[in-house]
Amino acid sequence: MQYDKKNKNPEIPILYEDNHLLVVNKPPGVLSQSDHTGDADMLSILKHDLKVRYSKPGNVFLGLVHRLDRMTRGVMVFAKTSKAASRLSLQIRERTFQKRYTTVVYSPKIIPVEGVYSHYLTKDSASKKAHIHNQAIPDSKKAVLEISHVAANHPWYLLDIDLHTGRFHQIRAQLAALGFPVFGDKKYGSTIKNGGDFALLCRELRFKHPVRKEPLSFRIPLPKNHPWLLFFSGKHEDESIKNQGHSL
C-alpha cells in the first residue's frame, strides 16, 4: 500500500498495545490522518499494520482520538474499539486526558522560568494559521498554556508546556506571540538558519485506561539531534521508553 509519494513508510515505535489501545511515538513529517496531499499518515499506516500483523479480513477499526501537527513528533494514542474511542474522547472533553509538550526556542531575551499565559485565538482556514489576540474578538477562543519548567543554555531554552486548552496550533502561535517561536517553525516566525529539527515534542500522555480505569502514563526521551542535544545533560537525558514493543 502506498502511503506517500515516495512509497516509503516511516518507522513508528510502538510504546504500548492491548486489545483496546495502541500507543505510538509519531515521527515528524507524518500527518495524523490523510489529507489531499496523499502523503504518509499515522492512521492509514497503523491500520494497515494491524491488518497485516493480525491477518484481519476486511476493514480494520482504529479510532483517532487526538492529533499532532505534521511536523510535531511524540506520543499518540489510538483506540482499537469504538468503546475505547468514545471513552477516551470523553476524557479529552472533560480535560482529564493530559498532554505535556517539550519544545526548544531561541530568544536573545531572558525567558521567565514559569508562568501561565492566556490569549484569544482565531483560526484562518485559508492560510491554515492561528492568530493570537490579547482580548476576545468575534469567533475567537480562549487559549491558555503553562510553562512549568525551563532549562537554559542561553540563548536557547528548553520549555515544558502543559496545555490548559487544546486549540489549533496553540503552542506554536502563543509562543510566537510571546516572542520566542518554536525552533524550526517558519510559519510562526522562526528565523534561525543553522539547521536542525522542528523542535516540538508531545513528550507525555496521562489518561485512564478506557476499560480497566487504571491510570496510564507514557513519557519518551528527548530526540538525539540538534537542537535537543543542547540539553542532553543531567535529568533531561535519563528518561527511557517504557513498555516499548516494536517499530513498524
Protein backbone atom coordinates (compact mmCIF):
# COMPACT_ATOMS: atom_id res chain seq x y z
CA MET A 1 0.00 0.00 0.00
CA GLN A 2 1.39 3.40 -0.98
CA TYR A 3 1.46 5.75 1.99
CA ASP A 4 3.33 8.66 0.49
CA LYS A 5 4.62 9.90 -2.81
CA LYS A 6 7.92 8.05 -2.45
CA ASN A 7 6.24 4.81 -1.33
CA LYS A 8 8.26 4.76 1.88
CA ASN A 9 6.93 4.08 5.36
CA PRO A 10 8.41 5.95 8.34
CA GLU A 11 9.50 3.97 11.38
CA ILE A 12 6.87 4.18 14.10
CA PRO A 13 7.86 2.80 17.53
CA ILE A 14 5.01 1.13 19.40
CA LEU A 15 5.09 2.07 23.09
CA TYR A 16 2.11 0.01 24.29
CA GLU A 17 -0.61 -2.18 22.85
CA ASP A 18 -3.52 -4.22 24.20
CA ASN A 19 -6.98 -5.15 22.92
CA HIS A 20 -8.24 -1.59 23.42
CA LEU A 21 -5.32 0.78 22.86
CA LEU A 22 -2.36 1.42 20.61
CA VAL A 23 0.19 3.97 21.85
CA VAL A 24 2.97 5.03 19.48
CA ASN A 25 5.75 7.56 19.04
CA LYS A 26 4.87 9.65 15.99
CA PRO A 27 7.82 10.77 13.87
CA PRO A 28 7.97 14.33 12.48
CA GLY A 29 6.73 14.89 8.96
CA VAL A 30 3.86 12.39 9.12
CA LEU A 31 0.24 13.52 9.04
CA SER A 32 -2.10 12.37 11.82
CA GLN A 33 -4.71 11.43 9.22
CA SER A 34 -4.90 11.55 5.44
CA ASP A 35 -5.47 14.76 3.52
CA HIS A 36 -5.45 15.95 -0.10
CA THR A 37 -1.65 15.50 -0.42
CA GLY A 38 -1.73 11.71 -0.26
CA ASP A 39 1.35 11.82 1.98
CA ALA A 40 2.04 9.33 4.77
CA ASP A 41 -0.42 9.47 7.66
CA MET A 42 -0.46 7.73 11.00
CA LEU A 43 -3.99 6.36 10.82
CA SER A 44 -3.51 4.62 7.44
CA ILE A 45 -0.10 3.21 8.35
CA LEU A 46 -1.26 1.83 11.69
CA LYS A 47 -4.48 0.36 10.31
CA HIS A 48 -2.50 -1.42 7.61
CA ASP A 49 -0.02 -2.73 10.19
CA LEU A 50 -2.82 -4.13 12.36
CA LYS A 51 -4.42 -5.76 9.34
CA VAL A 52 -1.15 -7.46 8.37
CA ARG A 53 0.05 -8.43 11.86
CA TYR A 54 -3.25 -9.96 12.90
CA SER A 55 -4.36 -11.20 9.46
CA LYS A 56 -7.62 -9.29 9.78
CA PRO A 57 -10.12 -9.59 6.92
CA GLY A 58 -11.99 -6.53 5.72
CA ASN A 59 -11.66 -3.08 7.23
CA VAL A 60 -9.74 -2.52 10.46
CA PHE A 61 -11.18 -0.17 13.08
CA LEU A 62 -8.76 2.32 14.59
CA GLY A 63 -10.02 5.49 16.22
CA LEU A 64 -8.12 8.77 16.02
CA VAL A 65 -8.85 10.46 19.35
CA HIS A 66 -6.36 13.33 19.17
CA ARG A 67 -3.98 14.83 16.62
CA LEU A 68 -0.47 16.19 16.36
CA ASP A 69 0.61 18.70 13.73
CA ARG A 70 2.51 17.22 10.82
CA MET A 71 5.95 18.35 11.97
CA THR A 72 5.31 17.69 15.67
CA ARG A 73 6.64 14.39 16.98
CA GLY A 74 5.72 12.44 20.08
CA VAL A 75 3.24 10.24 21.91
CA MET A 76 -0.13 9.46 20.31
CA VAL A 77 -2.83 7.05 21.46
CA PHE A 78 -5.29 5.34 19.11
CA ALA A 79 -8.41 3.39 20.07
CA LYS A 80 -8.79 -0.17 18.78
CA THR A 81 -12.51 -0.31 19.60
CA SER A 82 -15.37 2.17 19.28
CA LYS A 83 -15.99 1.93 23.04
CA ALA A 84 -12.39 2.87 23.79
CA ALA A 85 -12.59 5.75 21.31
CA SER A 86 -15.74 7.10 22.94
CA ARG A 87 -14.33 6.90 26.45
CA LEU A 88 -11.01 8.49 25.53
CA SER A 89 -12.84 11.29 23.71
CA LEU A 90 -14.88 11.89 26.86
CA GLN A 91 -11.68 12.21 28.91
CA ILE A 92 -10.44 14.81 26.43
CA ARG A 93 -13.68 16.79 26.70
CA GLU A 94 -13.56 16.60 30.49
CA ARG A 95 -9.86 17.63 30.44
CA THR A 96 -8.70 14.57 32.37
CA PHE A 97 -6.63 13.46 29.36
CA GLN A 98 -3.32 15.23 29.99
CA LYS A 99 -0.71 16.14 27.40
CA ARG A 100 2.68 17.63 28.19
CA TYR A 101 4.85 19.06 25.45
CA THR A 102 8.52 19.96 25.33
CA THR A 103 9.96 22.47 22.92
CA VAL A 104 13.19 24.31 22.17
CA VAL A 105 13.07 28.02 21.43
CA TYR A 106 15.66 30.66 20.63
CA SER A 107 15.41 34.02 22.38
CA PRO A 108 18.04 36.72 22.92
CA LYS A 109 15.84 37.87 25.83
CA ILE A 110 15.72 36.01 29.12
CA ILE A 111 12.60 33.84 29.32
CA PRO A 112 10.83 33.58 32.69
CA VAL A 113 11.19 30.27 34.47
CA GLU A 114 7.47 29.63 34.71
CA GLY A 115 4.14 31.24 34.01
CA VAL A 116 0.57 30.83 32.80
CA TYR A 117 -0.19 32.62 29.55
CA SER A 118 -3.67 33.46 28.27
CA HIS A 119 -4.61 34.76 24.83
CA TYR A 120 -7.51 34.58 22.41
CA LEU A 121 -7.04 32.61 19.23
CA THR A 122 -8.71 32.73 15.82
CA LYS A 123 -8.11 30.27 13.01
CA ASP A 124 -7.51 31.37 9.44
CA SER A 125 -8.64 28.41 7.35
CA ALA A 126 -7.25 29.85 4.13
CA SER A 127 -3.68 30.16 5.42
CA LYS A 128 -4.05 27.28 7.90
CA LYS A 129 -2.65 29.55 10.59
CA ALA A 130 -3.73 30.67 14.05
CA HIS A 131 -3.79 34.34 15.02
CA ILE A 132 -3.33 35.49 18.60
CA HIS A 133 -5.20 38.39 20.25
CA ASN A 134 -4.83 39.93 23.70
CA GLN A 135 -8.59 40.24 24.16
CA ALA A 136 -11.69 38.44 22.96
CA ILE A 137 -12.92 39.26 19.46
CA PRO A 138 -15.71 37.66 17.39
CA ASP A 139 -15.06 33.95 16.68
CA SER A 140 -12.05 33.83 18.99
CA LYS A 141 -11.45 31.11 21.57
CA LYS A 142 -9.52 31.44 24.80
CA ALA A 143 -6.12 29.73 24.71
CA VAL A 144 -4.22 29.02 27.94
CA LEU A 145 -0.92 27.25 28.42
CA GLU A 146 1.51 26.92 31.30
CA ILE A 147 5.28 26.90 31.11
CA SER A 148 6.14 24.77 34.11
CA HIS A 149 9.86 24.26 33.55
CA VAL A 150 12.69 25.95 31.70
CA ALA A 151 16.23 24.71 31.14
CA ALA A 152 18.51 27.42 29.78
CA ASN A 153 21.53 27.26 27.52
CA HIS A 154 21.20 30.92 26.60
CA PRO A 155 20.03 31.98 24.06
CA TRP A 156 18.40 28.53 23.77
CA TYR A 157 15.65 27.39 26.12
CA LEU A 158 14.00 24.05 26.74
CA LEU A 159 10.37 24.59 27.76
CA ASP A 160 7.96 22.08 29.27
CA ILE A 161 4.40 23.08 28.46
CA ASP A 162 1.05 21.99 29.87
CA LEU A 163 -1.96 22.81 27.75
CA HIS A 164 -4.97 24.07 29.67
CA THR A 165 -6.92 24.32 26.41
CA GLY A 166 -6.49 22.49 23.13
CA ARG A 167 -6.65 24.96 20.27
CA PHE A 168 -5.45 24.83 16.68
CA HIS A 169 -1.66 25.45 16.58
CA GLN A 170 -1.97 26.79 20.12
CA ILE A 171 1.58 26.24 21.39
CA ARG A 172 3.15 27.40 18.15
CA ALA A 173 1.02 30.54 17.92
CA GLN A 174 1.21 31.53 21.61
CA LEU A 175 4.97 31.10 21.88
CA ALA A 176 5.43 33.14 18.71
CA ALA A 177 3.20 35.88 20.17
CA LEU A 178 5.34 35.87 23.31
CA GLY A 179 8.44 36.46 21.19
CA PHE A 180 10.03 33.02 21.15
CA PRO A 181 8.65 30.80 18.37
CA VAL A 182 9.29 27.05 18.27
CA PHE A 183 12.68 26.39 16.73
CA GLY A 184 12.27 25.49 13.05
CA ASP A 185 8.68 26.73 12.84
CA LYS A 186 8.97 29.10 9.90
CA LYS A 187 5.19 29.56 9.66
CA TYR A 188 5.24 31.27 13.06
CA GLY A 189 8.40 33.28 12.70
CA SER A 190 11.42 31.08 13.48
CA THR A 191 14.33 32.56 11.53
CA ILE A 192 17.29 30.52 12.80
CA LYS A 193 19.11 29.11 9.76
CA ASN A 194 21.78 26.86 11.26
CA GLY A 195 19.86 23.66 10.62
CA GLY A 196 18.11 21.28 12.97
CA ASP A 197 14.78 19.84 13.94
CA PHE A 198 11.28 21.27 14.17
CA ALA A 199 11.55 21.28 17.94
CA LEU A 200 8.09 20.46 19.27
CA LEU A 201 7.57 17.15 21.06
CA CYS A 202 4.45 15.69 22.70
CA ARG A 203 6.55 14.17 25.42
CA GLU A 204 4.00 12.73 27.82
CA LEU A 205 0.40 11.49 27.87
CA ARG A 206 -1.59 10.68 31.02
CA PHE A 207 -5.08 9.20 30.95
CA LYS A 208 -7.18 6.39 32.36
CA HIS A 209 -7.43 3.08 30.58
CA PRO A 210 -10.86 3.18 28.87
CA VAL A 211 -11.83 -0.27 30.18
CA ARG A 212 -9.74 -1.09 33.24
CA LYS A 213 -9.85 2.52 34.51
CA GLU A 214 -6.27 2.35 35.77
CA PRO A 215 -4.07 5.41 35.25
CA LEU A 216 -1.62 5.17 32.36
CA SER A 217 1.39 7.37 31.68
CA PHE A 218 3.71 7.35 28.68
CA ARG A 219 6.81 9.53 28.54
CA ILE A 220 9.54 9.50 25.93
CA PRO A 221 13.11 10.85 25.94
CA LEU A 222 14.32 13.90 24.06
CA PRO A 223 15.40 13.33 20.46
CA LYS A 224 19.13 12.95 19.93
CA ASN A 225 19.71 15.63 17.35
CA HIS A 226 20.06 19.40 17.17
CA PRO A 227 18.75 21.50 18.90
CA TRP A 228 17.71 18.95 21.56
CA LEU A 229 21.36 17.94 22.05
CA LEU A 230 21.97 21.33 23.66
CA PHE A 231 20.12 19.97 26.70
CA PHE A 232 21.48 16.43 26.90
CA SER A 233 22.86 16.68 30.40
CA GLY A 234 21.64 15.72 33.84
CA LYS A 235 17.98 14.88 34.32
CA HIS A 236 16.92 15.63 30.75
CA GLU A 237 18.68 12.62 29.26
CA ASP A 238 17.87 9.86 31.75
CA GLU A 239 14.33 9.16 30.52
CA SER A 240 13.60 5.77 28.99
CA ILE A 241 10.71 4.50 26.93
CA LYS A 242 8.64 2.07 28.95
CA ASN A 243 6.52 -0.71 27.51
CA GLN A 244 8.11 -0.25 24.10
CA GLY A 245 7.27 -3.04 21.69
CA HIS A 246 8.44 -2.96 18.10
CA SER A 247 8.70 -0.47 15.28
CA LEU A 248 6.59 -0.72 12.15
